[in-house]
PDB file of N, CA and C in Angstrom:
ATOM      1  N   MET A   1       0.582  -0.628  -0.306  1.00  0.00           N
ATOM      2  CA  MET A   1      -0.458  -0.233  -0.124  1.00  0.00           C
ATOM      3  C   MET A   1       0.246   1.114  -0.047  1.00  0.00           C
ATOM      4  N   ILE A   2       0.679   1.703  -0.482  1.00  0.00           N
ATOM      5  CA  ILE A   2       1.069   3.432  -0.739  1.00  0.00           C
ATOM      6  C   ILE A   2       0.503   4.378  -0.045  1.00  0.00           C
ATOM      7  N   LYS A   3       1.212   4.594   1.456  1.00  0.00           N
ATOM      8  CA  LYS A   3       0.643   5.759   2.237  1.00  0.00           C
ATOM      9  C   LYS A   3       0.757   7.071   1.881  1.00  0.00           C
ATOM     10  N   GLN A   4       1.637   7.366   1.350  1.00  0.00           N
ATOM     11  CA  GLN A   4       1.710   8.878   1.367  1.00  0.00           C
ATOM     12  C   GLN A   4       2.999   9.738   0.233  1.00  0.00           C
ATOM     13  N   ILE A   5       2.240   9.783  -0.406  1.00  0.00           N
ATOM     14  CA  ILE A   5       3.376  10.223  -1.911  1.00  0.00           C
ATOM     15  C   ILE A   5       3.692  12.054  -1.197  1.00  0.00           C
ATOM     16  N   HIS A   6       5.087  11.929  -1.480  1.00  0.00           N
ATOM     17  CA  HIS A   6       5.595  13.538  -1.386  1.00  0.00           C
ATOM     18  C   HIS A   6       6.603  13.624  -3.217  1.00  0.00           C
ATOM     19  N   GLY A   7       5.177  14.586  -4.092  1.00  0.00           N
ATOM     20  CA  GLY A   7       6.129  14.995  -5.301  1.00  0.00           C
ATOM     21  C   GLY A   7       6.503  13.808  -6.048  1.00  0.00           C
ATOM     22  N   THR A   8       7.596  12.254  -6.627  1.00  0.00           N
ATOM     23  CA  THR A   8       7.576  12.089  -6.539  1.00  0.00           C
ATOM     24  C   THR A   8       7.998  10.596  -5.715  1.00  0.00           C
ATOM     25  N   SER A   9       8.768  10.688  -4.574  1.00  0.00           N
ATOM     26  CA  SER A   9       8.673  10.217  -3.462  1.00  0.00           C
ATOM     27  C   SER A   9       7.643   9.093  -3.169  1.00  0.00           C
ATOM     28  N   ALA A  10       7.280   8.023  -2.739  1.00  0.00           N
ATOM     29  CA  ALA A  10       6.457   7.484  -2.349  1.00  0.00           C
ATOM     30  C   ALA A  10       7.119   6.826  -1.013  1.00  0.00           C
ATOM     31  N   LYS A  11       6.581   7.211  -0.110  1.00  0.00           N
ATOM     32  CA  LYS A  11       6.196   5.694   1.653  1.00  0.00           C
ATOM     33  C   LYS A  11       6.005   4.460   1.291  1.00  0.00           C
ATOM     34  N   LEU A  12       6.430   3.688   1.378  1.00  0.00           N
ATOM     35  CA  LEU A  12       5.250   2.051   1.502  1.00  0.00           C
ATOM     36  C   LEU A  12       4.944   1.529   2.438  1.00  0.00           C
ATOM     37  N   THR A  13       3.999   1.221   2.722  1.00  0.00           N
ATOM     38  CA  THR A  13       4.356   0.581   4.154  1.00  0.00           C
ATOM     39  C   THR A  13       2.728  -0.129   4.342  1.00  0.00           C
ATOM     40  N   SER A  14       3.071  -2.046   5.546  1.00  0.00           N
ATOM     41  CA  SER A  14       1.321  -1.560   5.179  1.00  0.00           C
ATOM     42  C   SER A  14       0.512  -1.248   6.008  1.00  0.00           C
ATOM     43  N   SER A  15      -0.911  -2.118   6.380  1.00  0.00           N
ATOM     44  CA  SER A  15      -2.311  -1.495   6.374  1.00  0.00           C
ATOM     45  C   SER A  15      -1.706  -1.086   7.966  1.00  0.00           C
ATOM     46  N   ARG A  16      -0.510  -2.086   8.386  1.00  0.00           N
ATOM     47  CA  ARG A  16      -0.740  -1.920  10.093  1.00  0.00           C
ATOM     48  C   ARG A  16       0.256  -0.844  10.981  1.00  0.00           C
ATOM     49  N   GLY A  17       1.107  -0.370   9.501  1.00  0.00           N
ATOM     50  CA  GLY A  17       2.000   0.723   9.062  1.00  0.00           C
ATOM     51  C   GLY A  17       3.611  -0.202   9.575  1.00  0.00           C
ATOM     52  N   SER A  18       3.586  -1.703  10.012  1.00  0.00           N
ATOM     53  CA  SER A  18       5.445  -2.258   9.602  1.00  0.00           C
ATOM     54  C   SER A  18       5.813  -2.462   8.682  1.00  0.00           C
ATOM     55  N   ARG A  19       6.346  -2.816   8.584  1.00  0.00           N
ATOM     56  CA  ARG A  19       7.469  -3.258   7.605  1.00  0.00           C
ATOM     57  C   ARG A  19       7.374  -3.819   6.389  1.00  0.00           C
ATOM     58  N   MET A  20       7.186  -3.958   5.340  1.00  0.00           N
ATOM     59  CA  MET A  20       7.018  -5.537   4.078  1.00  0.00           C
ATOM     60  C   MET A  20       7.881  -5.961   3.039  1.00  0.00           C
ATOM     61  N   LYS A  21       7.489  -7.516   3.650  1.00  0.00           N
ATOM     62  CA  LYS A  21       8.456  -7.886   2.578  1.00  0.00           C
ATOM     63  C   LYS A  21       8.489  -7.858   1.074  1.00  0.00           C
ATOM     64  N   ILE A  22       9.052  -7.554   0.570  1.00  0.00           N
ATOM     65  CA  ILE A  22       8.421  -7.657  -0.887  1.00  0.00           C
ATOM     66  C   ILE A  22      10.066  -7.933  -1.541  1.00  0.00           C
ATOM     67  N   LEU A  23       9.526  -9.048  -2.523  1.00  0.00           N
ATOM     68  CA  LEU A  23       9.989 -10.105  -3.827  1.00  0.00           C
ATOM     69  C   LEU A  23      10.010  -9.712  -5.069  1.00  0.00           C
ATOM     70  N   VAL A  24      11.054  -8.946  -5.391  1.00  0.00           N
ATOM     71  CA  VAL A  24      11.250  -8.720  -7.123  1.00  0.00           C
ATOM     72  C   VAL A  24      12.132  -9.942  -7.758  1.00  0.00           C
ATOM     73  N   THR A  25      11.856 -10.034  -8.903  1.00  0.00           N
ATOM     74  CA  THR A  25      12.134 -11.196  -9.680  1.00  0.00           C
ATOM     75  C   THR A  25      12.880 -10.133 -10.993  1.00  0.00           C
ATOM     76  N   GLY A  26      13.837 -10.890 -11.187  1.00  0.00           N
ATOM     77  CA  GLY A  26      14.803  -9.759 -12.401  1.00  0.00           C
ATOM     78  C   GLY A  26      15.370  -9.244 -12.008  1.00  0.00           C
ATOM     79  N   ALA A  27      15.955  -9.238 -10.228  1.00  0.00           N
ATOM     80  CA  ALA A  27      17.090  -7.637 -10.446  1.00  0.00           C
ATOM     81  C   ALA A  27      17.946  -8.208 -11.060  1.00  0.00           C
ATOM     82  N   ASN A  28      18.513  -8.449 -11.709  1.00  0.00           N
ATOM     83  CA  ASN A  28      19.216  -7.765 -12.355  1.00  0.00           C
ATOM     84  C   ASN A  28      19.188  -7.422 -13.247  1.00  0.00           C
ATOM     85  N   GLY A  29      18.534  -7.393 -13.982  1.00  0.00           N
ATOM     86  CA  GLY A  29      17.530  -6.745 -15.331  1.00  0.00           C
ATOM     87  C   GLY A  29      17.583  -5.088 -15.353  1.00  0.00           C
ATOM     88  N   PHE A  30      17.447  -4.202 -16.549  1.00  0.00           N
ATOM     89  CA  PHE A  30      16.991  -3.324 -16.737  1.00  0.00           C
ATOM     90  C   PHE A  30      16.659  -2.690 -15.496  1.00  0.00           C
ATOM     91  N   LEU A  31      14.827  -2.920 -15.739  1.00  0.00           N
ATOM     92  CA  LEU A  31      14.602  -1.648 -14.793  1.00  0.00           C
ATOM     93  C   LEU A  31      13.894  -2.946 -13.125  1.00  0.00           C
ATOM     94  N   GLY A  32      14.752  -4.765 -12.856  1.00  0.00           N
ATOM     95  CA  GLY A  32      14.937  -4.515 -11.849  1.00  0.00           C
ATOM     96  C   GLY A  32      16.101  -4.352 -11.498  1.00  0.00           C
ATOM     97  N   ARG A  33      16.852  -3.899 -11.623  1.00  0.00           N
ATOM     98  CA  ARG A  33      17.554  -3.599 -10.910  1.00  0.00           C
ATOM     99  C   ARG A  33      17.751  -1.387 -10.381  1.00  0.00           C
ATOM    100  N   GLY A  34      16.343  -0.473 -11.209  1.00  0.00           N
ATOM    101  CA  GLY A  34      16.261   0.370 -10.387  1.00  0.00           C
ATOM    102  C   GLY A  34      15.135   0.754  -9.605  1.00  0.00           C
ATOM    103  N   ILE A  35      14.465  -0.695  -9.603  1.00  0.00           N
ATOM    104  CA  ILE A  35      12.792  -1.065  -9.152  1.00  0.00           C
ATOM    105  C   ILE A  35      14.228  -1.564  -7.827  1.00  0.00           C
ATOM    106  N   VAL A  36      14.838  -2.462  -7.149  1.00  0.00           N
ATOM    107  CA  VAL A  36      15.217  -1.927  -5.979  1.00  0.00           C
ATOM    108  C   VAL A  36      16.027  -1.231  -5.523  1.00  0.00           C
ATOM    109  N   GLU A  37      16.704  -0.531  -6.445  1.00  0.00           N
ATOM    110  CA  GLU A  37      17.329   0.458  -5.575  1.00  0.00           C
ATOM    111  C   GLU A  37      16.663   1.238  -5.421  1.00  0.00           C
ATOM    112  N   ARG A  38      15.949   1.160  -6.156  1.00  0.00           N
ATOM    113  CA  ARG A  38      14.290   3.165  -4.943  1.00  0.00           C
ATOM    114  C   ARG A  38      14.161   2.138  -4.005  1.00  0.00           C
ATOM    115  N   LEU A  39      14.100   0.912  -3.594  1.00  0.00           N
ATOM    116  CA  LEU A  39      13.288   0.159  -2.399  1.00  0.00           C
ATOM    117  C   LEU A  39      13.842  -0.025  -1.653  1.00  0.00           C
ATOM    118  N   ALA A  40      15.409  -0.270  -1.760  1.00  0.00           N
ATOM    119  CA  ALA A  40      16.004  -0.184  -0.973  1.00  0.00           C
ATOM    120  C   ALA A  40      16.260   0.484   0.115  1.00  0.00           C
ATOM    121  N   GLN A  41      16.004   1.939  -0.211  1.00  0.00           N
ATOM    122  CA  GLN A  41      15.471   4.201   0.259  1.00  0.00           C
ATOM    123  C   GLN A  41      14.252   3.097   1.327  1.00  0.00           C
ATOM    124  N   THR A  42      13.621   2.409   1.243  1.00  0.00           N
ATOM    125  CA  THR A  42      12.915   2.653   2.210  1.00  0.00           C
ATOM    126  C   THR A  42      13.103   1.134   3.370  1.00  0.00           C
ATOM    127  N   ASN A  43      12.034   1.633   4.140  1.00  0.00           N
ATOM    128  CA  ASN A  43      12.618   0.794   5.181  1.00  0.00           C
ATOM    129  C   ASN A  43      12.240  -0.839   5.706  1.00  0.00           C
ATOM    130  N   ASN A  44      12.063  -1.316   4.315  1.00  0.00           N
ATOM    131  CA  ASN A  44      10.726  -2.434   4.139  1.00  0.00           C
ATOM    132  C   ASN A  44      12.346  -3.534   3.250  1.00  0.00           C
ATOM    133  N   ILE A  45      11.617  -4.507   3.587  1.00  0.00           N
ATOM    134  CA  ILE A  45      12.253  -6.771   3.810  1.00  0.00           C
ATOM    135  C   ILE A  45      12.407  -6.945   2.020  1.00  0.00           C
ATOM    136  N   ILE A  46      13.039  -6.440   1.933  1.00  0.00           N
ATOM    137  CA  ILE A  46      14.067  -6.528  -0.322  1.00  0.00           C
ATOM    138  C   ILE A  46      14.149  -7.662  -0.382  1.00  0.00           C
ATOM    139  N   THR A  47      13.210  -9.133  -0.797  1.00  0.00           N
ATOM    140  CA  THR A  47      14.034  -9.864  -2.275  1.00  0.00           C
ATOM    141  C   THR A  47      14.495  -9.572  -2.792  1.00  0.00           C
ATOM    142  N   ALA A  48      15.797  -9.458  -3.119  1.00  0.00           N
ATOM    143  CA  ALA A  48      15.715  -9.819  -5.209  1.00  0.00           C
ATOM    144  C   ALA A  48      16.644 -10.979  -5.501  1.00  0.00           C
ATOM    145  N   VAL A  49      15.520 -11.229  -6.430  1.00  0.00           N
ATOM    146  CA  VAL A  49      16.067 -12.768  -7.036  1.00  0.00           C
ATOM    147  C   VAL A  49      16.266 -12.953  -8.769  1.00  0.00           C
ATOM    148  N   ASP A  50      17.109 -13.381  -9.491  1.00  0.00           N
ATOM    149  CA  ASP A  50      17.288 -13.375 -10.645  1.00  0.00           C
ATOM    150  C   ASP A  50      18.324 -14.721 -10.697  1.00  0.00           C
ATOM    151  N   PHE A  51      18.311 -14.751 -11.855  1.00  0.00           N
ATOM    152  CA  PHE A  51      19.169 -15.800 -12.385  1.00  0.00           C
ATOM    153  C   PHE A  51      20.962 -15.840 -12.199  1.00  0.00           C
ATOM    154  N   THR A  52      21.147 -14.747 -11.975  1.00  0.00           N
ATOM    155  CA  THR A  52      22.531 -14.558 -11.721  1.00  0.00           C
ATOM    156  C   THR A  52      22.307 -13.523  -9.784  1.00  0.00           C
ATOM    157  N   LYS A  53      23.455 -14.266  -9.667  1.00  0.00           N
ATOM    158  CA  LYS A  53      22.860 -12.852  -8.103  1.00  0.00           C
ATOM    159  C   LYS A  53      23.470 -12.195  -8.048  1.00  0.00           C
ATOM    160  N   TYR A  54      22.268 -11.418  -7.131  1.00  0.00           N
ATOM    161  CA  TYR A  54      22.319  -9.967  -7.343  1.00  0.00           C
ATOM    162  C   TYR A  54      23.127  -9.323  -6.593  1.00  0.00           C
ATOM    163  N   GLU A  55      23.680  -8.331  -6.700  1.00  0.00           N
ATOM    164  CA  GLU A  55      25.284  -8.320  -5.825  1.00  0.00           C
ATOM    165  C   GLU A  55      23.859  -6.466  -4.610  1.00  0.00           C
ATOM    166  N   ALA A  56      23.144  -7.974  -3.745  1.00  0.00           N
ATOM    167  CA  ALA A  56      23.167  -6.613  -2.938  1.00  0.00           C
ATOM    168  C   ALA A  56      24.319  -5.316  -2.097  1.00  0.00           C
ATOM    169  N   GLU A  57      23.551  -4.375  -2.641  1.00  0.00           N
ATOM    170  CA  GLU A  57      24.613  -3.088  -1.181  1.00  0.00           C
ATOM    171  C   GLU A  57      23.744  -2.444  -0.140  1.00  0.00           C
ATOM    172  N   HIS A  58      22.182  -2.875   0.113  1.00  0.00           N
ATOM    173  CA  HIS A  58      21.734  -2.566   1.171  1.00  0.00           C
ATOM    174  C   HIS A  58      21.509  -3.330   2.271  1.00  0.00           C
ATOM    175  N   LYS A  59      21.657  -3.021   3.606  1.00  0.00           N
ATOM    176  CA  LYS A  59      21.081  -4.496   4.294  1.00  0.00           C
ATOM    177  C   LYS A  59      20.103  -4.602   4.639  1.00  0.00           C
ATOM    178  N   ASN A  60      18.967  -4.017   4.146  1.00  0.00           N
ATOM    179  CA  ASN A  60      17.750  -4.465   3.737  1.00  0.00           C
ATOM    180  C   ASN A  60      17.586  -5.276   2.464  1.00  0.00           C
ATOM    181  N   VAL A  61      17.764  -5.419   1.986  1.00  0.00           N
ATOM    182  CA  VAL A  61      18.315  -6.205   0.655  1.00  0.00           C
ATOM    183  C   VAL A  61      18.773  -7.959   0.636  1.00  0.00           C
ATOM    184  N   ILE A  62      17.907  -8.887   0.339  1.00  0.00           N
ATOM    185  CA  ILE A  62      18.600  -9.713   0.851  1.00  0.00           C
ATOM    186  C   ILE A  62      17.955 -10.584  -1.059  1.00  0.00           C
ATOM    187  N   ALA A  63      19.115 -10.900  -1.838  1.00  0.00           N
ATOM    188  CA  ALA A  63      20.611 -11.340  -2.490  1.00  0.00           C
ATOM    189  C   ALA A  63      20.286 -12.270  -2.839  1.00  0.00           C
ATOM    190  N   ARG A  64      19.670 -13.064  -3.627  1.00  0.00           N
ATOM    191  CA  ARG A  64      19.232 -14.401  -4.740  1.00  0.00           C
ATOM    192  C   ARG A  64      19.266 -15.299  -5.648  1.00  0.00           C
ATOM    193  N   LYS A  65      20.440 -16.289  -5.961  1.00  0.00           N
ATOM    194  CA  LYS A  65      19.917 -16.669  -7.571  1.00  0.00           C
ATOM    195  C   LYS A  65      18.915 -18.000  -7.731  1.00  0.00           C
ATOM    196  N   ILE A  66      18.675 -18.265  -8.086  1.00  0.00           N
ATOM    197  CA  ILE A  66      17.641 -18.682  -8.339  1.00  0.00           C
ATOM    198  C   ILE A  66      17.495 -19.689 -10.235  1.00  0.00           C
ATOM    199  N   ASN A  67      16.995 -21.153 -10.425  1.00  0.00           N
ATOM    200  CA  ASN A  67      17.581 -21.370 -11.518  1.00  0.00           C
ATOM    201  C   ASN A  67      15.017 -22.262 -11.746  1.00  0.00           C
ATOM    202  N   LEU A  68      14.604 -21.203 -12.038  1.00  0.00           N
ATOM    203  CA  LEU A  68      13.507 -22.187 -12.987  1.00  0.00           C
ATOM    204  C   LEU A  68      12.873 -22.872 -13.234  1.00  0.00           C
ATOM    205  N   PHE A  69      14.511 -23.148 -14.495  1.00  0.00           N
ATOM    206  CA  PHE A  69      14.363 -24.591 -15.830  1.00  0.00           C
ATOM    207  C   PHE A  69      15.302 -25.454 -15.107  1.00  0.00           C
TER     208      PHE A  69
END
C-alpha cells in the first residue's frame, strides 16, 4: 500500500504500519535494478532474485540466485 506521496517519492508501508516484505524478480535486469535500488531506500525488506546473483549493497536487501528451468 502506498501510504503517502510527496513529489516523486512514496512511502511504502503495510496497512498496520509495519515493514513489508517485497519480492523483486529479474533483479539484474534493466528495470529490476532500478526497482530494487529505489525500494532499498525504504525501511522494507527486499528480496531480489534472478538467474545471476544480485549484488546487494543495502542491508535490507536479500539477494538470491534462482533457476526456474
